[in-house]
Amino acid sequence: MTDSPSESLQSRVEAVLDRIRPAVQEDGGDFELLEISEEGVVMIRFLGACIGCPSSEMTLREGIARNLRSMVPEVTNVIAAE
């Protein structure tokens, strides 16, 4: 049995998130992958110190989204769940 393309996409997204996670955890925060839409939109949820932190939007845009889009071309956007 072979991996479906969506499983392959999810594993590649998770690999990138795992590379970013330690820097976020250094500041007492974390995040989790909630879903990846068919259109390539990745939804994450911030956890810990990231909740309500004014820097979380910059972390999302400049850290997580930029890295995901450059390393996983199928990713079209990254959003944070409310």
Protein backbone atom coordinates (compact mmCIF):
# COMPACT_ATOMS: atom_id res chain seq x y z
CA MET A 1 0.00 0.00 0.00
CA THR A 2 1.38 3.40 -0.94
CA ASP A 3 0.89 6.73 0.78
CA SER A 4 -1.80 8.91 -0.67
CA PRO A 5 -0.71 12.38 -1.82
CA SER A 6 -2.50 13.98 1.16
CA GLU A 7 -0.55 11.81 3.64
CA SER A 8 2.66 12.74 1.91
CA LEU A 9 1.71 16.42 2.09
CA GLN A 10 0.82 16.14 5.77
CA SER A 11 4.08 14.42 6.62
CA ARG A 12 6.07 17.09 4.78
CA VAL A 13 4.15 19.89 6.53
CA GLU A 14 4.70 18.23 9.91
CA ALA A 15 8.42 17.88 9.20
CA VAL A 16 8.71 21.64 8.57
CA LEU A 17 6.65 22.44 11.68
CA ASP A 18 8.89 20.17 13.75
CA ARG A 19 11.91 22.24 12.62
CA ILE A 20 10.21 25.50 13.70
CA ARG A 21 8.67 24.22 16.95
CA PRO A 22 11.81 24.37 19.20
CA ALA A 23 12.21 28.13 18.63
CA VAL A 24 8.58 28.72 19.58
CA GLN A 25 8.89 26.45 22.62
CA GLU A 26 11.90 28.44 23.85
CA ASP A 27 9.50 31.30 24.51
CA GLY A 28 7.00 29.07 26.33
CA GLY A 29 4.66 28.60 23.38
CA ASP A 30 3.74 25.85 21.00
CA PHE A 31 1.37 25.11 18.15
CA GLU A 32 -0.43 22.16 16.64
CA LEU A 33 -1.43 21.28 13.10
CA LEU A 34 -5.22 21.14 12.85
CA GLU A 35 -5.82 20.52 9.17
CA ILE A 36 -4.65 20.99 5.61
CA SER A 37 -7.40 21.83 3.14
CA GLU A 38 -7.54 20.54 -0.42
CA GLU A 39 -6.63 24.09 -1.51
CA GLY A 40 -3.37 23.92 0.46
CA VAL A 41 -4.45 26.06 3.42
CA VAL A 42 -2.75 24.93 6.63
CA MET A 43 -4.60 25.64 9.87
CA ILE A 44 -2.69 25.66 13.13
CA ARG A 45 -3.64 26.41 16.72
CA PHE A 46 -1.29 28.30 18.99
CA LEU A 47 -0.77 26.89 22.49
CA GLY A 48 0.83 28.01 25.73
CA ALA A 49 2.42 31.45 25.82
CA CYS A 50 1.51 32.01 22.16
CA ILE A 51 -2.16 32.41 23.07
CA GLY A 52 -2.85 36.14 23.09
CA CYS A 53 0.79 37.04 22.48
CA PRO A 54 1.15 40.05 20.16
CA SER A 55 4.13 38.39 18.47
CA SER A 56 2.16 35.28 17.48
CA GLU A 57 0.91 36.95 14.27
CA MET A 58 4.50 37.71 13.26
CA THR A 59 5.54 34.15 14.18
CA LEU A 60 2.74 32.83 12.00
CA ARG A 61 3.49 35.08 9.03
CA GLU A 62 7.29 35.34 9.09
CA GLY A 63 8.23 32.01 10.64
CA ILE A 64 5.66 29.34 10.03
CA ALA A 65 3.94 30.51 6.82
CA ARG A 66 7.12 31.63 5.06
CA ASN A 67 8.92 28.36 5.81
CA LEU A 68 5.98 26.18 4.85
CA ARG A 69 5.39 27.97 1.55
CA SER A 70 9.06 27.80 0.60
CA MET A 71 9.59 24.15 1.61
CA VAL A 72 6.18 22.70 0.68
CA PRO A 73 5.02 24.29 -2.60
CA GLU A 74 1.47 22.93 -2.24
CA VAL A 75 0.90 25.17 0.80
CA THR A 76 -0.98 28.27 -0.36
CA ASN A 77 -1.72 29.89 3.00
CA VAL A 78 -1.32 29.38 6.73
CA ILE A 79 -3.95 30.52 9.20
CA ALA A 80 -4.35 30.30 12.96
CA ALA A 81 -7.55 28.98 14.48
CA GLU A 82 -9.30 31.38 16.81
